Amino acid sequence: MISEIILKILSISLLLVVGVVLILGIGTLFKGGETSKKYSNKLMQLRVLLQFLAIIALVGFAYFFKN
């Protein structure tokens, strides 16, 4: 029971982090200028990495905790 709650919290927080990085990346992309040149590509690379980690974690959770 407690492990289910922890997994749900971890899953939701992983997805929220990906969403926040996505929004920050899009914001810097549309802002343009020096900020866009400096941070936009790095934020999108970070988003891809976080998406990969979130997908691996969610698939792992589904595999190990299926009933």
Protein backbone atom coordinates (compact mmCIF):
# COMPACT_ATOMS: atom_id res chain seq x y z
CA MET A 1 0.00 0.00 0.00
CA ILE A 2 2.70 2.50 0.93
CA SER A 3 4.81 1.43 -2.03
CA GLU A 4 1.86 2.12 -4.35
CA ILE A 5 1.54 5.64 -2.97
CA ILE A 6 5.27 6.26 -3.33
CA LEU A 7 5.20 4.98 -6.92
CA LYS A 8 2.27 7.21 -7.79
CA ILE A 9 3.98 10.24 -6.28
CA LEU A 10 7.25 9.41 -8.08
CA SER A 11 5.44 8.87 -11.40
CA ILE A 12 3.51 12.13 -11.15
CA SER A 13 6.61 14.08 -10.13
CA LEU A 14 8.60 12.65 -13.06
CA LEU A 15 5.89 13.71 -15.47
CA LEU A 16 5.61 17.16 -13.87
CA VAL A 17 9.36 17.72 -14.15
CA VAL A 18 9.25 16.82 -17.85
CA GLY A 19 6.35 19.23 -18.32
CA VAL A 20 8.11 22.07 -16.52
CA VAL A 21 11.28 21.63 -18.59
CA LEU A 22 9.17 21.50 -21.76
CA ILE A 23 7.41 24.76 -20.87
CA LEU A 24 10.71 26.44 -19.99
CA GLY A 25 12.24 25.28 -23.28
CA ILE A 26 9.34 26.54 -25.35
CA GLY A 27 9.34 29.82 -23.43
CA THR A 28 13.01 30.47 -24.11
CA LEU A 29 12.55 29.46 -27.73
CA PHE A 30 9.82 32.06 -28.25
CA LYS A 31 11.63 34.70 -26.20
CA GLY A 32 14.42 34.73 -28.74
CA GLY A 33 17.62 36.71 -28.56
CA GLU A 34 20.63 35.76 -26.50
CA THR A 35 18.59 33.77 -23.98
CA SER A 36 17.23 31.55 -26.72
CA LYS A 37 20.68 30.94 -28.17
CA LYS A 38 22.10 30.08 -24.77
CA TYR A 39 19.40 27.94 -23.15
CA SER A 40 16.77 26.71 -25.62
CA ASN A 41 18.75 23.81 -27.08
CA LYS A 42 20.08 22.72 -23.68
CA LEU A 43 16.58 22.70 -22.18
CA MET A 44 15.24 20.61 -25.05
CA GLN A 45 18.12 18.15 -24.64
CA LEU A 46 17.36 17.96 -20.93
CA ARG A 47 13.70 17.35 -21.74
CA VAL A 48 14.55 14.44 -24.00
CA LEU A 49 16.76 12.92 -21.31
CA LEU A 50 14.07 13.36 -18.65
CA GLN A 51 11.44 11.87 -20.95
CA PHE A 52 13.66 8.85 -21.49
CA LEU A 53 14.15 8.40 -17.75
CA ALA A 54 10.44 8.85 -17.06
CA ILE A 55 9.46 6.28 -19.68
CA ILE A 56 12.01 3.76 -18.39
CA ALA A 57 10.79 4.31 -14.81
CA LEU A 58 7.10 4.01 -15.74
CA VAL A 59 7.66 0.86 -17.79
CA GLY A 60 9.74 -0.58 -14.95
CA PHE A 61 7.00 0.22 -12.44
CA ALA A 62 4.39 -1.40 -14.67
CA TYR A 63 6.53 -4.51 -15.16
CA PHE A 64 7.57 -5.08 -11.55
CA PHE A 65 4.31 -4.09 -9.86
CA LYS A 66 1.71 -5.60 -12.16
CA ASN A 67 -1.00 -7.59 -10.43
